[in-house]
């Protein structure tokens, strides 16, 4: 696999983890996002070790990471929809 592509996926996963951490504890998505975040962190660790030559990260691992990222995006969108819109007139 292309190292630049894997590094890009790694950066993308790190950013998603940071956003998942910001989901409010009051959100109905908080508990589920916590599990996805933990799984993403394990995948990030494995990918980092792979880039250092200490582990293998194959096509099936990449496919799993892609699925996790899609699920995380969906959770972020769903959690964002829970935020009430307030039209502030100045």
N, C-alpha and C. Protein backbone atom coordinates (compact mmCIF):
# COMPACT_ATOMS: atom_id res chain seq x y z
N UNK A 1 0.84 -1.19 0.00
CA UNK A 1 0.00 0.00 0.00
C UNK A 1 0.87 1.25 0.00
N UNK A 2 0.33 2.29 -0.52
CA UNK A 2 1.02 3.56 -0.61
C UNK A 2 1.13 4.20 0.77
N UNK A 3 2.34 4.53 1.17
CA UNK A 3 2.58 5.12 2.49
C UNK A 3 1.89 6.47 2.65
N UNK A 4 1.91 7.29 1.60
CA UNK A 4 1.28 8.61 1.68
C UNK A 4 -0.23 8.47 1.89
N UNK A 5 -0.84 7.50 1.23
CA UNK A 5 -2.27 7.26 1.40
C UNK A 5 -2.57 6.81 2.83
N UNK A 6 -1.74 5.91 3.36
CA UNK A 6 -1.95 5.44 4.74
C UNK A 6 -1.77 6.58 5.74
N UNK A 7 -0.81 7.45 5.51
CA UNK A 7 -0.61 8.59 6.41
C UNK A 7 -1.80 9.54 6.35
N UNK A 8 -2.37 9.71 5.15
CA UNK A 8 -3.55 10.55 5.01
C UNK A 8 -4.74 9.95 5.77
N UNK A 9 -4.92 8.63 5.66
CA UNK A 9 -5.99 7.94 6.39
C UNK A 9 -5.77 8.05 7.90
N UNK A 10 -4.52 7.97 8.31
CA UNK A 10 -4.18 8.10 9.73
C UNK A 10 -4.56 9.48 10.24
N UNK A 11 -4.24 10.51 9.49
CA UNK A 11 -4.59 11.88 9.88
C UNK A 11 -6.11 12.06 9.92
N UNK A 12 -6.79 11.51 8.93
CA UNK A 12 -8.24 11.59 8.89
C UNK A 12 -8.85 10.91 10.12
N UNK A 13 -8.35 9.75 10.47
CA UNK A 13 -8.86 9.02 11.63
C UNK A 13 -8.61 9.80 12.92
N UNK A 14 -7.45 10.41 13.05
CA UNK A 14 -7.15 11.21 14.26
C UNK A 14 -8.11 12.38 14.39
N UNK A 15 -8.40 13.03 13.29
CA UNK A 15 -9.32 14.18 13.34
C UNK A 15 -10.73 13.74 13.70
N UNK A 16 -11.16 12.61 13.19
CA UNK A 16 -12.49 12.10 13.52
C UNK A 16 -12.56 11.74 15.01
N UNK A 17 -11.51 11.14 15.54
CA UNK A 17 -11.48 10.81 16.97
C UNK A 17 -11.64 12.08 17.80
N UNK A 18 -10.94 13.14 17.42
CA UNK A 18 -11.07 14.40 18.16
C UNK A 18 -12.49 14.93 18.12
N UNK A 19 -13.14 14.80 17.00
CA UNK A 19 -14.52 15.29 16.90
C UNK A 19 -15.49 14.40 17.67
N UNK A 20 -15.25 13.10 17.68
CA UNK A 20 -16.10 12.20 18.46
C UNK A 20 -16.00 12.51 19.95
N UNK A 21 -14.82 12.92 20.39
CA UNK A 21 -14.63 13.26 21.80
C UNK A 21 -15.47 14.44 22.22
N UNK A 22 -15.86 15.27 21.27
CA UNK A 22 -16.59 16.49 21.58
C UNK A 22 -18.11 16.31 21.57
N UNK A 23 -18.58 15.10 21.27
CA UNK A 23 -20.02 14.86 21.33
C UNK A 23 -20.45 14.98 22.79
N UNK A 24 -21.48 15.75 23.02
CA UNK A 24 -21.96 16.01 24.37
C UNK A 24 -22.38 14.72 25.06
N UNK A 25 -22.11 14.65 26.34
CA UNK A 25 -22.53 13.49 27.13
C UNK A 25 -24.05 13.39 27.19
N UNK A 26 -24.74 14.49 26.95
CA UNK A 26 -26.21 14.51 26.94
C UNK A 26 -26.78 13.93 25.65
N UNK A 27 -25.96 13.77 24.64
CA UNK A 27 -26.42 13.26 23.35
C UNK A 27 -26.72 11.77 23.45
N UNK A 28 -27.73 11.34 22.73
CA UNK A 28 -28.03 9.90 22.70
C UNK A 28 -26.95 9.13 21.94
N UNK A 29 -26.08 9.83 21.26
CA UNK A 29 -24.99 9.21 20.49
C UNK A 29 -23.70 9.10 21.29
N UNK A 30 -23.66 9.62 22.49
CA UNK A 30 -22.42 9.65 23.27
C UNK A 30 -21.87 8.26 23.56
N UNK A 31 -22.73 7.35 23.99
CA UNK A 31 -22.26 6.01 24.35
C UNK A 31 -21.75 5.26 23.12
N UNK A 32 -22.51 5.29 22.04
CA UNK A 32 -22.09 4.60 20.82
C UNK A 32 -20.82 5.20 20.24
N UNK A 33 -20.73 6.52 20.28
CA UNK A 33 -19.53 7.16 19.72
C UNK A 33 -18.30 6.81 20.53
N UNK A 34 -18.49 6.57 21.83
CA UNK A 34 -17.36 6.17 22.67
C UNK A 34 -16.78 4.84 22.21
N UNK A 35 -17.65 3.90 21.87
CA UNK A 35 -17.17 2.60 21.38
C UNK A 35 -16.48 2.71 20.04
N UNK A 36 -17.04 3.50 19.14
CA UNK A 36 -16.42 3.70 17.83
C UNK A 36 -15.07 4.40 18.00
N UNK A 37 -15.02 5.37 18.91
CA UNK A 37 -13.77 6.09 19.16
C UNK A 37 -12.69 5.14 19.66
N UNK A 38 -13.05 4.24 20.57
CA UNK A 38 -12.08 3.27 21.08
C UNK A 38 -11.57 2.34 20.00
N UNK A 39 -12.47 1.88 19.15
CA UNK A 39 -12.08 1.00 18.05
C UNK A 39 -11.20 1.75 17.05
N UNK A 40 -11.53 3.00 16.79
CA UNK A 40 -10.70 3.82 15.91
C UNK A 40 -9.31 4.01 16.51
N UNK A 41 -9.23 4.24 17.80
CA UNK A 41 -7.92 4.43 18.44
C UNK A 41 -7.06 3.17 18.31
N UNK A 42 -7.67 2.00 18.45
CA UNK A 42 -6.92 0.75 18.26
C UNK A 42 -6.45 0.61 16.82
N UNK A 43 -7.29 0.98 15.89
CA UNK A 43 -6.92 0.92 14.48
C UNK A 43 -5.81 1.91 14.16
N UNK A 44 -5.89 3.10 14.75
CA UNK A 44 -4.83 4.11 14.57
C UNK A 44 -3.51 3.57 15.10
N UNK A 45 -3.55 2.94 16.27
CA UNK A 45 -2.32 2.39 16.85
C UNK A 45 -1.71 1.33 15.93
N UNK A 46 -2.56 0.48 15.40
CA UNK A 46 -2.04 -0.57 14.50
C UNK A 46 -1.47 0.03 13.22
N UNK A 47 -2.13 1.05 12.69
CA UNK A 47 -1.64 1.70 11.47
C UNK A 47 -0.31 2.41 11.74
N UNK A 48 -0.20 3.08 12.90
CA UNK A 48 1.07 3.75 13.25
C UNK A 48 2.20 2.74 13.37
N UNK A 49 1.91 1.59 14.02
CA UNK A 49 2.95 0.56 14.13
C UNK A 49 3.31 0.00 12.77
N UNK A 50 2.33 -0.11 11.89
CA UNK A 50 2.59 -0.59 10.53
C UNK A 50 3.50 0.36 9.78
N UNK A 51 3.26 1.65 9.92
CA UNK A 51 4.09 2.64 9.22
C UNK A 51 5.53 2.64 9.75
N UNK A 52 5.71 2.22 11.01
CA UNK A 52 7.06 2.11 11.58
C UNK A 52 7.69 0.76 11.28
N UNK A 53 6.93 -0.14 10.62
CA UNK A 53 7.45 -1.45 10.29
C UNK A 53 7.33 -2.47 11.40
N UNK A 54 6.53 -2.19 12.42
CA UNK A 54 6.42 -3.07 13.58
C UNK A 54 5.17 -3.96 13.54
N UNK A 55 4.28 -3.74 12.56
CA UNK A 55 3.05 -4.53 12.44
C UNK A 55 2.61 -4.55 10.99
N UNK A 56 1.63 -5.41 10.71
CA UNK A 56 1.06 -5.47 9.37
C UNK A 56 -0.28 -4.76 9.35
N UNK A 57 -0.53 -4.04 8.29
CA UNK A 57 -1.80 -3.37 8.06
C UNK A 57 -2.18 -3.68 6.62
N UNK A 58 -3.07 -4.65 6.44
CA UNK A 58 -3.38 -5.10 5.09
C UNK A 58 -4.70 -4.53 4.58
N UNK A 59 -5.12 -5.01 3.43
CA UNK A 59 -6.34 -4.50 2.78
C UNK A 59 -7.58 -4.67 3.65
N UNK A 60 -7.67 -5.79 4.37
CA UNK A 60 -8.85 -5.99 5.23
C UNK A 60 -8.86 -5.00 6.39
N UNK A 61 -7.67 -4.67 6.91
CA UNK A 61 -7.59 -3.66 7.97
C UNK A 61 -8.01 -2.30 7.44
N UNK A 62 -7.59 -1.99 6.22
CA UNK A 62 -7.95 -0.72 5.60
C UNK A 62 -9.45 -0.65 5.35
N UNK A 63 -10.04 -1.75 4.91
CA UNK A 63 -11.49 -1.79 4.70
C UNK A 63 -12.23 -1.58 6.02
N UNK A 64 -11.74 -2.18 7.10
CA UNK A 64 -12.34 -1.99 8.42
C UNK A 64 -12.23 -0.55 8.88
N UNK A 65 -11.09 0.07 8.61
CA UNK A 65 -10.90 1.47 8.96
C UNK A 65 -11.87 2.35 8.18
N UNK A 66 -12.04 2.06 6.90
CA UNK A 66 -12.98 2.82 6.07
C UNK A 66 -14.39 2.73 6.63
N UNK A 67 -14.81 1.53 7.04
CA UNK A 67 -16.15 1.35 7.61
C UNK A 67 -16.30 2.13 8.91
N UNK A 68 -15.27 2.10 9.74
CA UNK A 68 -15.31 2.85 10.99
C UNK A 68 -15.41 4.35 10.75
N UNK A 69 -14.67 4.84 9.77
CA UNK A 69 -14.71 6.27 9.46
C UNK A 69 -16.10 6.66 8.95
N UNK A 70 -16.70 5.83 8.12
CA UNK A 70 -18.05 6.12 7.63
C UNK A 70 -19.05 6.14 8.78
N UNK A 71 -18.95 5.17 9.68
CA UNK A 71 -19.84 5.11 10.83
C UNK A 71 -19.64 6.34 11.72
N UNK A 72 -18.40 6.74 11.92
CA UNK A 72 -18.11 7.91 12.74
C UNK A 72 -18.69 9.17 12.12
N UNK A 73 -18.56 9.33 10.81
CA UNK A 73 -19.15 10.48 10.13
C UNK A 73 -20.66 10.51 10.33
N UNK A 74 -21.29 9.35 10.17
CA UNK A 74 -22.74 9.28 10.35
C UNK A 74 -23.14 9.67 11.76
N UNK A 75 -22.38 9.23 12.75
CA UNK A 75 -22.66 9.59 14.15
C UNK A 75 -22.50 11.08 14.38
N UNK A 76 -21.47 11.65 13.79
CA UNK A 76 -21.25 13.09 13.95
C UNK A 76 -22.41 13.89 13.35
N UNK A 77 -22.87 13.46 12.20
CA UNK A 77 -23.98 14.14 11.55
C UNK A 77 -25.25 14.00 12.40
N UNK A 78 -25.50 12.79 12.90
CA UNK A 78 -26.68 12.56 13.72
C UNK A 78 -26.62 13.37 15.01
N UNK A 79 -25.45 13.43 15.63
CA UNK A 79 -25.30 14.21 16.87
C UNK A 79 -25.46 15.70 16.59
N UNK A 80 -24.98 16.14 15.45
CA UNK A 80 -25.12 17.56 15.09
C UNK A 80 -26.58 17.93 14.87
N UNK A 81 -27.37 16.98 14.37
CA UNK A 81 -28.79 17.25 14.16
C UNK A 81 -29.54 17.44 15.46
N UNK A 82 -28.99 16.94 16.56
CA UNK A 82 -29.63 17.10 17.86
C UNK A 82 -29.45 18.51 18.43
N UNK A 83 -28.47 19.22 17.91
CA UNK A 83 -28.17 20.56 18.43
C UNK A 83 -29.28 21.50 17.97
N UNK A 84 -29.94 22.17 18.91
CA UNK A 84 -31.03 23.07 18.51
C UNK A 84 -30.48 24.30 17.79
N UNK A 85 -31.19 24.66 16.75
CA UNK A 85 -30.80 25.84 15.96
C UNK A 85 -31.40 27.08 16.62
N UNK A 86 -30.57 28.09 16.81
CA UNK A 86 -31.05 29.35 17.37
C UNK A 86 -30.69 30.46 16.41
N UNK A 87 -31.72 31.08 15.89
CA UNK A 87 -31.51 32.20 14.97
C UNK A 87 -31.29 33.46 15.81
N UNK A 88 -30.07 33.94 15.83
CA UNK A 88 -29.73 35.12 16.63
C UNK A 88 -29.82 36.36 15.76
N UNK A 89 -30.72 37.22 16.12
CA UNK A 89 -30.87 38.47 15.38
C UNK A 89 -30.12 39.54 16.14
N UNK A 90 -29.26 40.21 15.41
CA UNK A 90 -28.41 41.23 16.04
C UNK A 90 -28.99 42.59 15.79
